[in-house]
Amino acid sequence: MTELTWQKSTYSQEASSCVNIVAAPDGTTHLRESDDPEVVLTTSPSQLSALIRAVKDASRERSL
């Protein structure tokens, strides 16, 4: 089994819970929270992009 190299989000602060992400060899994207690394969410890059766009759009709408 290939060992994955997780990256911490640049938006995560040092002393807080961190979001980690990794692109797997099978083309999927995995997400986990540093306080509970055994729980891993798996998605596709396109689905993750759609989620990020939706969150950004909702944030913009709230600030109007």
N, C-alpha and C. Protein backbone atom coordinates (compact mmCIF):
# COMPACT_ATOMS: atom_id res chain seq x y z
N MET A 1 0.84 -1.18 0.00
CA MET A 1 0.00 0.00 0.00
C MET A 1 0.89 1.25 0.00
N THR A 2 0.53 2.23 -0.80
CA THR A 2 1.28 3.47 -0.90
C THR A 2 1.01 4.35 0.31
N GLU A 3 2.08 4.89 0.91
CA GLU A 3 1.91 5.82 2.02
C GLU A 3 1.61 7.20 1.46
N LEU A 4 0.59 7.83 2.01
CA LEU A 4 0.17 9.15 1.53
C LEU A 4 0.88 10.25 2.31
N THR A 5 1.22 11.33 1.63
CA THR A 5 1.85 12.48 2.27
C THR A 5 0.80 13.57 2.41
N TRP A 6 0.29 13.71 3.61
CA TRP A 6 -0.77 14.67 3.90
C TRP A 6 -0.20 16.08 3.98
N GLN A 7 -1.00 17.05 3.56
CA GLN A 7 -0.63 18.46 3.67
C GLN A 7 -1.65 19.18 4.55
N LYS A 8 -1.15 20.06 5.40
CA LYS A 8 -2.03 20.85 6.26
C LYS A 8 -2.50 22.07 5.49
N SER A 9 -3.74 22.40 5.67
CA SER A 9 -4.29 23.61 5.05
C SER A 9 -3.53 24.83 5.52
N THR A 10 -3.26 25.76 4.61
CA THR A 10 -2.59 27.00 4.98
C THR A 10 -3.50 27.91 5.81
N TYR A 11 -4.79 27.61 5.85
CA TYR A 11 -5.73 28.39 6.65
C TYR A 11 -5.79 27.89 8.09
N SER A 12 -5.19 26.75 8.38
CA SER A 12 -5.20 26.21 9.74
C SER A 12 -4.13 26.88 10.58
N GLN A 13 -4.51 27.26 11.78
CA GLN A 13 -3.53 27.87 12.69
C GLN A 13 -2.76 26.76 13.40
N GLU A 14 -1.59 27.10 13.94
CA GLU A 14 -0.72 26.12 14.59
C GLU A 14 -1.40 25.38 15.74
N ALA A 15 -2.07 26.08 16.62
CA ALA A 15 -2.61 25.47 17.83
C ALA A 15 -4.05 24.99 17.69
N SER A 16 -4.62 25.11 16.52
CA SER A 16 -6.02 24.74 16.36
C SER A 16 -6.16 23.44 15.58
N SER A 17 -7.37 22.97 15.47
CA SER A 17 -7.65 21.80 14.66
C SER A 17 -7.31 22.12 13.22
N CYS A 18 -6.68 21.18 12.56
CA CYS A 18 -6.20 21.42 11.20
C CYS A 18 -6.91 20.49 10.22
N VAL A 19 -7.13 20.99 9.04
CA VAL A 19 -7.64 20.17 7.95
C VAL A 19 -6.44 19.71 7.13
N ASN A 20 -6.38 18.40 6.88
CA ASN A 20 -5.32 17.83 6.06
C ASN A 20 -5.93 17.31 4.77
N ILE A 21 -5.16 17.39 3.69
CA ILE A 21 -5.63 16.96 2.38
C ILE A 21 -4.52 16.21 1.66
N VAL A 22 -4.92 15.27 0.82
CA VAL A 22 -3.94 14.53 0.01
C VAL A 22 -4.63 14.06 -1.27
N ALA A 23 -3.88 14.11 -2.36
CA ALA A 23 -4.34 13.55 -3.63
C ALA A 23 -3.80 12.12 -3.70
N ALA A 24 -4.69 11.17 -3.78
CA ALA A 24 -4.30 9.76 -3.81
C ALA A 24 -3.94 9.32 -5.22
N PRO A 25 -3.14 8.26 -5.33
CA PRO A 25 -2.74 7.76 -6.65
C PRO A 25 -3.92 7.33 -7.54
N ASP A 26 -5.06 6.98 -6.92
CA ASP A 26 -6.22 6.55 -7.71
C ASP A 26 -7.04 7.71 -8.25
N GLY A 27 -6.58 8.95 -7.99
CA GLY A 27 -7.28 10.13 -8.51
C GLY A 27 -8.27 10.74 -7.55
N THR A 28 -8.48 10.11 -6.41
CA THR A 28 -9.40 10.67 -5.42
C THR A 28 -8.66 11.66 -4.52
N THR A 29 -9.43 12.45 -3.81
CA THR A 29 -8.88 13.40 -2.85
C THR A 29 -9.39 13.00 -1.48
N HIS A 30 -8.48 12.97 -0.49
CA HIS A 30 -8.86 12.60 0.87
C HIS A 30 -8.70 13.81 1.78
N LEU A 31 -9.64 13.94 2.70
CA LEU A 31 -9.63 15.02 3.69
C LEU A 31 -9.75 14.40 5.08
N ARG A 32 -9.04 14.98 6.05
CA ARG A 32 -9.18 14.54 7.43
C ARG A 32 -8.95 15.73 8.35
N GLU A 33 -9.40 15.58 9.58
CA GLU A 33 -9.23 16.60 10.61
C GLU A 33 -8.15 16.09 11.55
N SER A 34 -7.19 16.93 11.90
CA SER A 34 -6.02 16.47 12.65
C SER A 34 -6.35 15.87 14.01
N ASP A 35 -7.43 16.29 14.65
CA ASP A 35 -7.80 15.74 15.95
C ASP A 35 -8.39 14.34 15.86
N ASP A 36 -8.81 13.93 14.69
CA ASP A 36 -9.40 12.59 14.49
C ASP A 36 -8.94 12.04 13.14
N PRO A 37 -7.63 11.75 12.98
CA PRO A 37 -7.07 11.38 11.68
C PRO A 37 -7.54 10.03 11.13
N GLU A 38 -8.19 9.23 11.97
CA GLU A 38 -8.68 7.94 11.47
C GLU A 38 -9.92 8.10 10.59
N VAL A 39 -10.62 9.22 10.75
CA VAL A 39 -11.82 9.49 9.95
C VAL A 39 -11.38 10.25 8.70
N VAL A 40 -11.56 9.63 7.55
CA VAL A 40 -11.10 10.21 6.28
C VAL A 40 -12.29 10.31 5.33
N LEU A 41 -12.48 11.49 4.77
CA LEU A 41 -13.51 11.70 3.75
C LEU A 41 -12.83 11.58 2.39
N THR A 42 -13.47 10.86 1.49
CA THR A 42 -12.93 10.67 0.14
C THR A 42 -13.88 11.29 -0.87
N THR A 43 -13.31 12.04 -1.81
CA THR A 43 -14.11 12.70 -2.83
C THR A 43 -13.29 12.81 -4.11
N SER A 44 -13.88 13.36 -5.13
CA SER A 44 -13.14 13.60 -6.37
C SER A 44 -12.69 15.06 -6.39
N PRO A 45 -11.66 15.37 -7.14
CA PRO A 45 -11.24 16.77 -7.23
C PRO A 45 -12.36 17.70 -7.70
N SER A 46 -13.17 17.23 -8.64
CA SER A 46 -14.25 18.10 -9.15
C SER A 46 -15.33 18.33 -8.09
N GLN A 47 -15.64 17.32 -7.30
CA GLN A 47 -16.62 17.49 -6.23
C GLN A 47 -16.09 18.43 -5.15
N LEU A 48 -14.82 18.32 -4.81
CA LEU A 48 -14.22 19.21 -3.82
C LEU A 48 -14.23 20.64 -4.32
N SER A 49 -13.91 20.84 -5.59
CA SER A 49 -13.94 22.19 -6.18
C SER A 49 -15.35 22.78 -6.13
N ALA A 50 -16.35 21.96 -6.41
CA ALA A 50 -17.74 22.43 -6.37
C ALA A 50 -18.11 22.83 -4.94
N LEU A 51 -17.68 22.06 -3.95
CA LEU A 51 -17.95 22.40 -2.55
C LEU A 51 -17.29 23.72 -2.18
N ILE A 52 -16.04 23.90 -2.53
CA ILE A 52 -15.32 25.13 -2.21
C ILE A 52 -15.99 26.33 -2.87
N ARG A 53 -16.38 26.18 -4.14
CA ARG A 53 -17.09 27.27 -4.84
C ARG A 53 -18.39 27.63 -4.13
N ALA A 54 -19.14 26.61 -3.71
CA ALA A 54 -20.42 26.84 -3.04
C ALA A 54 -20.22 27.57 -1.71
N VAL A 55 -19.20 27.17 -0.96
CA VAL A 55 -18.91 27.83 0.32
C VAL A 55 -18.50 29.28 0.09
N LYS A 56 -17.65 29.52 -0.90
CA LYS A 56 -17.23 30.89 -1.21
C LYS A 56 -18.41 31.74 -1.66
N ASP A 57 -19.26 31.19 -2.51
CA ASP A 57 -20.43 31.93 -2.98
C ASP A 57 -21.36 32.28 -1.83
N ALA A 58 -21.59 31.33 -0.92
CA ALA A 58 -22.46 31.58 0.23
C ALA A 58 -21.85 32.64 1.14
N SER A 59 -20.55 32.61 1.28
CA SER A 59 -19.87 33.61 2.11
C SER A 59 -20.01 35.00 1.51
N ARG A 60 -19.88 35.10 0.19
CA ARG A 60 -20.02 36.38 -0.50
C ARG A 60 -21.44 36.91 -0.35
N GLU A 61 -22.44 36.03 -0.47
CA GLU A 61 -23.84 36.44 -0.37
C GLU A 61 -24.14 36.98 1.02
N ARG A 62 -23.55 36.40 2.06
CA ARG A 62 -23.78 36.86 3.42
C ARG A 62 -23.17 38.22 3.67
N SER A 63 -22.08 38.53 2.97
CA SER A 63 -21.42 39.80 3.22
C SER A 63 -22.05 40.96 2.45
N LEU A 64 -23.03 40.66 1.60
CA LEU A 64 -23.69 41.74 0.84
C LEU A 64 -24.74 42.44 1.66
